[in-house]
PDB file of N, CA and C in Angstrom:
ATOM      1  N   MET A   1      -7.737  -5.651 -13.823  1.00  0.00           N
ATOM      2  CA  MET A   1      -6.549  -5.117 -14.446  1.00  0.00           C
ATOM      3  C   MET A   1      -5.725  -4.328 -13.429  1.00  0.00           C
ATOM      4  N   LYS A   2      -6.413  -3.543 -12.557  1.00  0.00           N
ATOM      5  CA  LYS A   2      -5.704  -2.786 -11.540  1.00  0.00           C
ATOM      6  C   LYS A   2      -5.024  -3.725 -10.560  1.00  0.00           C
ATOM      7  N   LEU A   3      -5.688  -4.834 -10.255  1.00  0.00           N
ATOM      8  CA  LEU A   3      -5.131  -5.795  -9.318  1.00  0.00           C
ATOM      9  C   LEU A   3      -3.859  -6.419  -9.885  1.00  0.00           C
ATOM     10  N   ILE A   4      -3.883  -6.743 -11.166  1.00  0.00           N
ATOM     11  CA  ILE A   4      -2.706  -7.325 -11.805  1.00  0.00           C
ATOM     12  C   ILE A   4      -1.551  -6.329 -11.777  1.00  0.00           C
ATOM     13  N   THR A   5      -1.834  -5.079 -12.062  1.00  0.00           N
ATOM     14  CA  THR A   5      -0.812  -4.039 -12.024  1.00  0.00           C
ATOM     15  C   THR A   5      -0.239  -3.915 -10.621  1.00  0.00           C
ATOM     16  N   SER A   6      -1.111  -3.939  -9.618  1.00  0.00           N
ATOM     17  CA  SER A   6      -0.654  -3.838  -8.232  1.00  0.00           C
ATOM     18  C   SER A   6       0.232  -5.012  -7.855  1.00  0.00           C
ATOM     19  N   VAL A   7      -0.149  -6.204  -8.282  1.00  0.00           N
ATOM     20  CA  VAL A   7       0.645  -7.394  -7.972  1.00  0.00           C
ATOM     21  C   VAL A   7       2.020  -7.290  -8.624  1.00  0.00           C
ATOM     22  N   ILE A   8       2.063  -6.804  -9.841  1.00  0.00           N
ATOM     23  CA  ILE A   8       3.342  -6.640 -10.538  1.00  0.00           C
ATOM     24  C   ILE A   8       4.213  -5.617  -9.812  1.00  0.00           C
ATOM     25  N   ILE A   9       3.613  -4.519  -9.380  1.00  0.00           N
ATOM     26  CA  ILE A   9       4.364  -3.488  -8.655  1.00  0.00           C
ATOM     27  C   ILE A   9       4.904  -4.051  -7.349  1.00  0.00           C
ATOM     28  N   VAL A  10       4.053  -4.755  -6.618  1.00  0.00           N
ATOM     29  CA  VAL A  10       4.483  -5.350  -5.348  1.00  0.00           C
ATOM     30  C   VAL A  10       5.617  -6.336  -5.586  1.00  0.00           C
ATOM     31  N   GLY A  11       5.485  -7.149  -6.615  1.00  0.00           N
ATOM     32  CA  GLY A  11       6.535  -8.113  -6.935  1.00  0.00           C
ATOM     33  C   GLY A  11       7.844  -7.436  -7.280  1.00  0.00           C
ATOM     34  N   ALA A  12       7.779  -6.395  -8.083  1.00  0.00           N
ATOM     35  CA  ALA A  12       8.991  -5.676  -8.474  1.00  0.00           C
ATOM     36  C   ALA A  12       9.654  -5.026  -7.269  1.00  0.00           C
ATOM     37  N   LEU A  13       8.849  -4.419  -6.414  1.00  0.00           N
ATOM     38  CA  LEU A  13       9.410  -3.789  -5.228  1.00  0.00           C
ATOM     39  C   LEU A  13      10.004  -4.820  -4.274  1.00  0.00           C
ATOM     40  N   THR A  14       9.427  -6.000  -4.238  1.00  0.00           N
ATOM     41  CA  THR A  14       9.971  -7.062  -3.402  1.00  0.00           C
ATOM     42  C   THR A  14      11.363  -7.457  -3.870  1.00  0.00           C
ATOM     43  N   LEU A  15      11.548  -7.527  -5.169  1.00  0.00           N
ATOM     44  CA  LEU A  15      12.854  -7.895  -5.710  1.00  0.00           C
ATOM     45  C   LEU A  15      13.895  -6.805  -5.490  1.00  0.00           C
ATOM     46  N   ILE A  16      13.454  -5.551  -5.549  1.00  0.00           N
ATOM     47  CA  ILE A  16      14.370  -4.424  -5.431  1.00  0.00           C
ATOM     48  C   ILE A  16      14.791  -4.179  -3.979  1.00  0.00           C
ATOM     49  N   ALA A  17      13.858  -4.332  -3.049  1.00  0.00           N
ATOM     50  CA  ALA A  17      14.133  -4.021  -1.642  1.00  0.00           C
ATOM     51  C   ALA A  17      15.167  -4.978  -1.065  1.00  0.00           C
ATOM     52  N   GLY A  18      16.064  -4.433  -0.294  1.00  0.00           N
ATOM     53  CA  GLY A  18      17.088  -5.265   0.347  1.00  0.00           C
ATOM     54  C   GLY A  18      16.593  -5.797   1.673  1.00  0.00           C
ATOM     55  N   PRO A  19      17.155  -6.897   2.165  1.00  0.00           N
ATOM     56  CA  PRO A  19      16.726  -7.485   3.425  1.00  0.00           C
ATOM     57  C   PRO A  19      16.854  -6.544   4.613  1.00  0.00           C
ATOM     58  N   ALA A  20      17.812  -5.665   4.587  1.00  0.00           N
ATOM     59  CA  ALA A  20      18.004  -4.758   5.712  1.00  0.00           C
ATOM     60  C   ALA A  20      16.871  -3.754   5.836  1.00  0.00           C
ATOM     61  N   SER A  21      16.209  -3.420   4.738  1.00  0.00           N
ATOM     62  CA  SER A  21      15.165  -2.401   4.786  1.00  0.00           C
ATOM     63  C   SER A  21      13.973  -2.837   5.620  1.00  0.00           C
ATOM     64  N   ALA A  22      13.631  -4.118   5.613  1.00  0.00           N
ATOM     65  CA  ALA A  22      12.497  -4.602   6.399  1.00  0.00           C
ATOM     66  C   ALA A  22      12.827  -4.600   7.882  1.00  0.00           C
ATOM     67  N   GLU A  23      14.072  -4.837   8.225  1.00  0.00           N
ATOM     68  CA  GLU A  23      14.466  -4.847   9.625  1.00  0.00           C
ATOM     69  C   GLU A  23      14.386  -3.458  10.231  1.00  0.00           C
ATOM     70  N   LYS A  24      14.684  -2.452   9.458  1.00  0.00           N
ATOM     71  CA  LYS A  24      14.682  -1.084   9.955  1.00  0.00           C
ATOM     72  C   LYS A  24      13.288  -0.466   9.907  1.00  0.00           C
ATOM     73  N   TYR A  25      12.413  -0.990   9.083  1.00  0.00           N
ATOM     74  CA  TYR A  25      11.103  -0.389   8.880  1.00  0.00           C
ATOM     75  C   TYR A  25      10.109  -0.931   9.900  1.00  0.00           C
ATOM     76  N   ASP A  26       9.400  -0.056  10.580  1.00  0.00           N
ATOM     77  CA  ASP A  26       8.368  -0.438  11.546  1.00  0.00           C
ATOM     78  C   ASP A  26       7.062  -0.638  10.786  1.00  0.00           C
ATOM     79  N   CYS A  27       6.747  -1.887  10.480  1.00  0.00           N
ATOM     80  CA  CYS A  27       5.568  -2.215   9.674  1.00  0.00           C
ATOM     81  C   CYS A  27       4.280  -1.738  10.336  1.00  0.00           C
ATOM     82  N   ASP A  28       4.180  -1.912  11.648  1.00  0.00           N
ATOM     83  CA  ASP A  28       2.959  -1.533  12.360  1.00  0.00           C
ATOM     84  C   ASP A  28       2.716  -0.022  12.299  1.00  0.00           C
ATOM     85  N   LYS A  29       3.746   0.743  12.615  1.00  0.00           N
ATOM     86  CA  LYS A  29       3.612   2.202  12.571  1.00  0.00           C
ATOM     87  C   LYS A  29       3.348   2.674  11.140  1.00  0.00           C
ATOM     88  N   GLY A  30       4.057   2.090  10.193  1.00  0.00           N
ATOM     89  CA  GLY A  30       3.868   2.468   8.796  1.00  0.00           C
ATOM     90  C   GLY A  30       2.454   2.201   8.318  1.00  0.00           C
ATOM     91  N   PHE A  31       1.893   1.062   8.716  1.00  0.00           N
ATOM     92  CA  PHE A  31       0.527   0.723   8.310  1.00  0.00           C
ATOM     93  C   PHE A  31      -0.477   1.705   8.924  1.00  0.00           C
ATOM     94  N   LYS A  32      -0.299   2.019  10.198  1.00  0.00           N
ATOM     95  CA  LYS A  32      -1.199   2.980  10.850  1.00  0.00           C
ATOM     96  C   LYS A  32      -1.117   4.352  10.190  1.00  0.00           C
ATOM     97  N   ASP A  33       0.092   4.804   9.887  1.00  0.00           N
ATOM     98  CA  ASP A  33       0.270   6.096   9.213  1.00  0.00           C
ATOM     99  C   ASP A  33      -0.406   6.092   7.838  1.00  0.00           C
ATOM    100  N   HIS A  34      -0.216   5.000   7.121  1.00  0.00           N
ATOM    101  CA  HIS A  34      -0.816   4.872   5.791  1.00  0.00           C
ATOM    102  C   HIS A  34      -2.344   4.916   5.881  1.00  0.00           C
ATOM    103  N   MET A  35      -2.911   4.184   6.823  1.00  0.00           N
ATOM    104  CA  MET A  35      -4.369   4.166   6.963  1.00  0.00           C
ATOM    105  C   MET A  35      -4.910   5.548   7.346  1.00  0.00           C
ATOM    106  N   MET A  36      -4.172   6.288   8.157  1.00  0.00           N
ATOM    107  CA  MET A  36      -4.583   7.658   8.503  1.00  0.00           C
ATOM    108  C   MET A  36      -4.606   8.547   7.260  1.00  0.00           C
ATOM    109  N   LYS A  37      -3.586   8.397   6.409  1.00  0.00           N
ATOM    110  CA  LYS A  37      -3.536   9.187   5.179  1.00  0.00           C
ATOM    111  C   LYS A  37      -4.684   8.813   4.248  1.00  0.00           C
ATOM    112  N   MET A  38      -5.029   7.540   4.206  1.00  0.00           N
ATOM    113  CA  MET A  38      -6.117   7.076   3.340  1.00  0.00           C
ATOM    114  C   MET A  38      -7.482   7.542   3.839  1.00  0.00           C
ATOM    115  N   SER A  39      -7.617   7.747   5.141  1.00  0.00           N
ATOM    116  CA  SER A  39      -8.920   8.032   5.733  1.00  0.00           C
ATOM    117  C   SER A  39      -9.575   9.297   5.168  1.00  0.00           C
ATOM    118  N   ILE A  40      -8.788  10.244   4.708  1.00  0.00           N
ATOM    119  CA  ILE A  40      -9.376  11.475   4.174  1.00  0.00           C
ATOM    120  C   ILE A  40     -10.092  11.246   2.838  1.00  0.00           C
ATOM    121  N   PHE A  41      -9.855  10.107   2.216  1.00  0.00           N
ATOM    122  CA  PHE A  41     -10.461   9.819   0.923  1.00  0.00           C
ATOM    123  C   PHE A  41     -11.674   8.896   1.018  1.00  0.00           C
ATOM    124  N   ILE A  42     -12.034   8.448   2.207  1.00  0.00           N
ATOM    125  CA  ILE A  42     -13.114   7.468   2.361  1.00  0.00           C
ATOM    126  C   ILE A  42     -14.427   7.975   1.774  1.00  0.00           C
ATOM    127  N   ASP A  43     -14.801   9.207   2.082  1.00  0.00           N
ATOM    128  CA  ASP A  43     -16.077   9.743   1.586  1.00  0.00           C
ATOM    129  C   ASP A  43     -16.072   9.982   0.079  1.00  0.00           C
ATOM    130  N   LYS A  44     -14.905  10.039  -0.511  1.00  0.00           N
ATOM    131  CA  LYS A  44     -14.784  10.336  -1.934  1.00  0.00           C
ATOM    132  C   LYS A  44     -14.478   9.095  -2.761  1.00  0.00           C
ATOM    133  N   THR A  45     -14.589   7.922  -2.147  1.00  0.00           N
ATOM    134  CA  THR A  45     -14.219   6.674  -2.792  1.00  0.00           C
ATOM    135  C   THR A  45     -15.388   5.704  -2.749  1.00  0.00           C
ATOM    136  N   SER A  46     -15.580   4.942  -3.813  1.00  0.00           N
ATOM    137  CA  SER A  46     -16.632   3.928  -3.814  1.00  0.00           C
ATOM    138  C   SER A  46     -16.243   2.795  -2.870  1.00  0.00           C
ATOM    139  N   GLY A  47     -17.212   2.014  -2.471  1.00  0.00           N
ATOM    140  CA  GLY A  47     -16.946   0.882  -1.600  1.00  0.00           C
ATOM    141  C   GLY A  47     -15.973  -0.096  -2.224  1.00  0.00           C
ATOM    142  N   TYR A  48     -16.133  -0.345  -3.509  1.00  0.00           N
ATOM    143  CA  TYR A  48     -15.245  -1.267  -4.215  1.00  0.00           C
ATOM    144  C   TYR A  48     -13.813  -0.735  -4.225  1.00  0.00           C
ATOM    145  N   GLU A  49     -13.654   0.549  -4.556  1.00  0.00           N
ATOM    146  CA  GLU A  49     -12.319   1.145  -4.612  1.00  0.00           C
ATOM    147  C   GLU A  49     -11.653   1.135  -3.236  1.00  0.00           C
ATOM    148  N   LEU A  50     -12.436   1.422  -2.202  1.00  0.00           N
ATOM    149  CA  LEU A  50     -11.896   1.417  -0.855  1.00  0.00           C
ATOM    150  C   LEU A  50     -11.479   0.009  -0.438  1.00  0.00           C
ATOM    151  N   ALA A  51     -12.326  -0.970  -0.714  1.00  0.00           N
ATOM    152  CA  ALA A  51     -11.994  -2.358  -0.374  1.00  0.00           C
ATOM    153  C   ALA A  51     -10.729  -2.800  -1.100  1.00  0.00           C
ATOM    154  N   ASP A  52     -10.597  -2.419  -2.361  1.00  0.00           N
ATOM    155  CA  ASP A  52      -9.404  -2.773  -3.134  1.00  0.00           C
ATOM    156  C   ASP A  52      -8.154  -2.134  -2.532  1.00  0.00           C
ATOM    157  N   ALA A  53      -8.248  -0.864  -2.155  1.00  0.00           N
ATOM    158  CA  ALA A  53      -7.103  -0.159  -1.576  1.00  0.00           C
ATOM    159  C   ALA A  53      -6.708  -0.775  -0.233  1.00  0.00           C
ATOM    160  N   VAL A  54      -7.700  -1.109   0.584  1.00  0.00           N
ATOM    161  CA  VAL A  54      -7.420  -1.712   1.884  1.00  0.00           C
ATOM    162  C   VAL A  54      -6.801  -3.100   1.700  1.00  0.00           C
ATOM    163  N   ARG A  55      -7.324  -3.850   0.763  1.00  0.00           N
ATOM    164  CA  ARG A  55      -6.790  -5.188   0.490  1.00  0.00           C
ATOM    165  C   ARG A  55      -5.322  -5.121   0.055  1.00  0.00           C
ATOM    166  N   ARG A  56      -5.021  -4.217  -0.867  1.00  0.00           N
ATOM    167  CA  ARG A  56      -3.638  -4.075  -1.328  1.00  0.00           C
ATOM    168  C   ARG A  56      -2.734  -3.572  -0.208  1.00  0.00           C
ATOM    169  N   SER A  57      -3.263  -2.671   0.616  1.00  0.00           N
ATOM    170  CA  SER A  57      -2.497  -2.151   1.750  1.00  0.00           C
ATOM    171  C   SER A  57      -2.171  -3.261   2.735  1.00  0.00           C
ATOM    172  N   TYR A  58      -3.156  -4.091   3.014  1.00  0.00           N
ATOM    173  CA  TYR A  58      -2.948  -5.190   3.954  1.00  0.00           C
ATOM    174  C   TYR A  58      -1.973  -6.229   3.392  1.00  0.00           C
ATOM    175  N   ASP A  59      -2.050  -6.488   2.106  1.00  0.00           N
ATOM    176  CA  ASP A  59      -1.105  -7.423   1.485  1.00  0.00           C
ATOM    177  C   ASP A  59       0.337  -6.923   1.647  1.00  0.00           C
ATOM    178  N   ALA A  60       0.537  -5.624   1.463  1.00  0.00           N
ATOM    179  CA  ALA A  60       1.871  -5.049   1.633  1.00  0.00           C
ATOM    180  C   ALA A  60       2.303  -5.136   3.099  1.00  0.00           C
ATOM    181  N   TYR A  61       1.374  -4.898   4.021  1.00  0.00           N
ATOM    182  CA  TYR A  61       1.671  -5.009   5.453  1.00  0.00           C
ATOM    183  C   TYR A  61       2.076  -6.442   5.806  1.00  0.00           C
ATOM    184  N   THR A  62       1.336  -7.406   5.291  1.00  0.00           N
ATOM    185  CA  THR A  62       1.625  -8.812   5.564  1.00  0.00           C
ATOM    186  C   THR A  62       3.007  -9.189   5.055  1.00  0.00           C
ATOM    187  N   ALA A  63       3.353  -8.731   3.866  1.00  0.00           N
ATOM    188  CA  ALA A  63       4.684  -9.006   3.313  1.00  0.00           C
ATOM    189  C   ALA A  63       5.767  -8.378   4.180  1.00  0.00           C
ATOM    190  N   CYS A  64       5.510  -7.181   4.669  1.00  0.00           N
ATOM    191  CA  CYS A  64       6.465  -6.500   5.542  1.00  0.00           C
ATOM    192  C   CYS A  64       6.664  -7.290   6.833  1.00  0.00           C
ATOM    193  N   LYS A  65       5.575  -7.729   7.440  1.00  0.00           N
ATOM    194  CA  LYS A  65       5.648  -8.473   8.701  1.00  0.00           C
ATOM    195  C   LYS A  65       6.296  -9.848   8.527  1.00  0.00           C
ATOM    196  N   ALA A  66       6.229 -10.394   7.328  1.00  0.00           N
ATOM    197  CA  ALA A  66       6.816 -11.708   7.081  1.00  0.00           C
ATOM    198  C   ALA A  66       8.337 -11.673   7.169  1.00  0.00           C
ATOM    199  N   GLY A  67       8.899 -10.471   7.129  1.00  0.00           N
ATOM    200  CA  GLY A  67      10.340 -10.346   7.257  1.00  0.00           C
ATOM    201  C   GLY A  67      11.098 -10.839   6.041  1.00  0.00           C
ATOM    202  N   ASP A  68      10.458 -10.756   4.880  1.00  0.00           N
ATOM    203  CA  ASP A  68      11.102 -11.248   3.663  1.00  0.00           C
ATOM    204  C   ASP A  68      11.861 -10.163   2.908  1.00  0.00           C
ATOM    205  N   GLY A  69      12.199  -9.081   3.592  1.00  0.00           N
ATOM    206  CA  GLY A  69      12.978  -8.026   2.960  1.00  0.00           C
ATOM    207  C   GLY A  69      12.140  -7.048   2.169  1.00  0.00           C
ATOM    208  N   PHE A  70      10.845  -7.018   2.416  1.00  0.00           N
ATOM    209  CA  PHE A  70       9.942  -6.156   1.656  1.00  0.00           C
ATOM    210  C   PHE A  70       9.606  -4.909   2.463  1.00  0.00           C
ATOM    211  N   SER A  71       9.783  -3.751   1.872  1.00  0.00           N
ATOM    212  CA  SER A  71       9.366  -2.495   2.484  1.00  0.00           C
ATOM    213  C   SER A  71       8.134  -1.996   1.740  1.00  0.00           C
ATOM    214  N   PRO A  72       6.999  -1.878   2.420  1.00  0.00           N
ATOM    215  CA  PRO A  72       5.745  -1.529   1.764  1.00  0.00           C
ATOM    216  C   PRO A  72       5.570  -0.046   1.469  1.00  0.00           C
ATOM    217  N   HIS A  73       6.516   0.763   1.878  1.00  0.00           N
ATOM    218  CA  HIS A  73       6.342   2.216   1.770  1.00  0.00           C
ATOM    219  C   HIS A  73       5.998   2.668   0.349  1.00  0.00           C
ATOM    220  N   GLY A  74       6.689   2.160  -0.644  1.00  0.00           N
ATOM    221  CA  GLY A  74       6.413   2.561  -2.027  1.00  0.00           C
ATOM    222  C   GLY A  74       5.034   2.142  -2.494  1.00  0.00           C
ATOM    223  N   VAL A  75       4.594   0.960  -2.074  1.00  0.00           N
ATOM    224  CA  VAL A  75       3.261   0.481  -2.440  1.00  0.00           C
ATOM    225  C   VAL A  75       2.211   1.373  -1.800  1.00  0.00           C
ATOM    226  N   TRP A  76       2.395   1.693  -0.518  1.00  0.00           N
ATOM    227  CA  TRP A  76       1.424   2.530   0.169  1.00  0.00           C
ATOM    228  C   TRP A  76       1.379   3.932  -0.428  1.00  0.00           C
ATOM    229  N   ASP A  77       2.523   4.470  -0.791  1.00  0.00           N
ATOM    230  CA  ASP A  77       2.547   5.790  -1.441  1.00  0.00           C
ATOM    231  C   ASP A  77       1.754   5.764  -2.746  1.00  0.00           C
ATOM    232  N   GLU A  78       1.904   4.694  -3.508  1.00  0.00           N
ATOM    233  CA  GLU A  78       1.184   4.578  -4.779  1.00  0.00           C
ATOM    234  C   GLU A  78      -0.323   4.467  -4.547  1.00  0.00           C
ATOM    235  N   ILE A  79      -0.730   3.727  -3.552  1.00  0.00           N
ATOM    236  CA  ILE A  79      -2.162   3.598  -3.231  1.00  0.00           C
ATOM    237  C   ILE A  79      -2.723   4.959  -2.835  1.00  0.00           C
ATOM    238  N   GLU A  80      -2.003   5.696  -2.000  1.00  0.00           N
ATOM    239  CA  GLU A  80      -2.445   7.028  -1.591  1.00  0.00           C
ATOM    240  C   GLU A  80      -2.546   7.963  -2.794  1.00  0.00           C
ATOM    241  N   ARG A  81      -1.582   7.881  -3.701  1.00  0.00           N
ATOM    242  CA  ARG A  81      -1.605   8.718  -4.908  1.00  0.00           C
ATOM    243  C   ARG A  81      -2.820   8.397  -5.761  1.00  0.00           C
ATOM    244  N   GLN A  82      -3.100   7.099  -5.934  1.00  0.00           N
ATOM    245  CA  GLN A  82      -4.242   6.684  -6.732  1.00  0.00           C
ATOM    246  C   GLN A  82      -5.556   7.142  -6.106  1.00  0.00           C
ATOM    247  N   MET A  83      -5.660   7.032  -4.798  1.00  0.00           N
ATOM    248  CA  MET A  83      -6.891   7.460  -4.123  1.00  0.00           C
ATOM    249  C   MET A  83      -7.090   8.967  -4.246  1.00  0.00           C
ATOM    250  N   ALA A  84      -6.014   9.724  -4.114  1.00  0.00           N
ATOM    251  CA  ALA A  84      -6.099  11.177  -4.245  1.00  0.00           C
ATOM    252  C   ALA A  84      -6.521  11.553  -5.664  1.00  0.00           C
ATOM    253  N   GLU A  85      -5.988  10.860  -6.637  1.00  0.00           N
ATOM    254  CA  GLU A  85      -6.321  11.124  -8.031  1.00  0.00           C
ATOM    255  C   GLU A  85      -7.803  10.837  -8.297  1.00  0.00           C
ATOM    256  N   LYS A  86      -8.300   9.716  -7.792  1.00  0.00           N
ATOM    257  CA  LYS A  86      -9.712   9.378  -7.959  1.00  0.00           C
ATOM    258  C   LYS A  86     -10.621  10.356  -7.226  1.00  0.00           C
ATOM    259  N   ALA A  87     -10.184  10.810  -6.059  1.00  0.00           N
ATOM    260  CA  ALA A  87     -10.991  11.748  -5.265  1.00  0.00           C
ATOM    261  C   ALA A  87     -11.139  13.089  -5.980  1.00  0.00           C
ATOM    262  N   LYS A  88     -10.125  13.501  -6.721  1.00  0.00           N
ATOM    263  CA  LYS A  88     -10.197  14.749  -7.467  1.00  0.00           C
ATOM    264  C   LYS A  88     -11.223  14.675  -8.585  1.00  0.00           C
ATOM    265  N   GLY A  89     -11.368  13.483  -9.142  1.00  0.00           N
ATOM    266  CA  GLY A  89     -12.275  13.277 -10.269  1.00  0.00           C
ATOM    267  C   GLY A  89     -13.743  13.213  -9.871  1.00  0.00           C
ATOM    268  N   LYS A  90     -14.017  13.103  -8.585  1.00  0.00           N
ATOM    269  CA  LYS A  90     -15.420  12.981  -8.131  1.00  0.00           C
ATOM    270  C   LYS A  90     -15.926  14.236  -7.513  1.00  0.00           C
TER     271      LYS A  90
END
């Protein structure tokens, strides 16, 4: 169910983002920054949850690198928010 929600969010953001946003956004730097932010939650996250977050993060990175006008920043922010929320509960 979470995966379906993530796919819907990614799809919606893809439609909303303009082509110019991907050209200006540094996908590589953004992905590294996102992974650094996620790293503080590794010890507080199950293996399954971490794998899911990394998978969704990589999917957003791949879309960004494809140059299809997708900016992954909103997706990565949502993943970080979800991980922080889960970490508080444990």
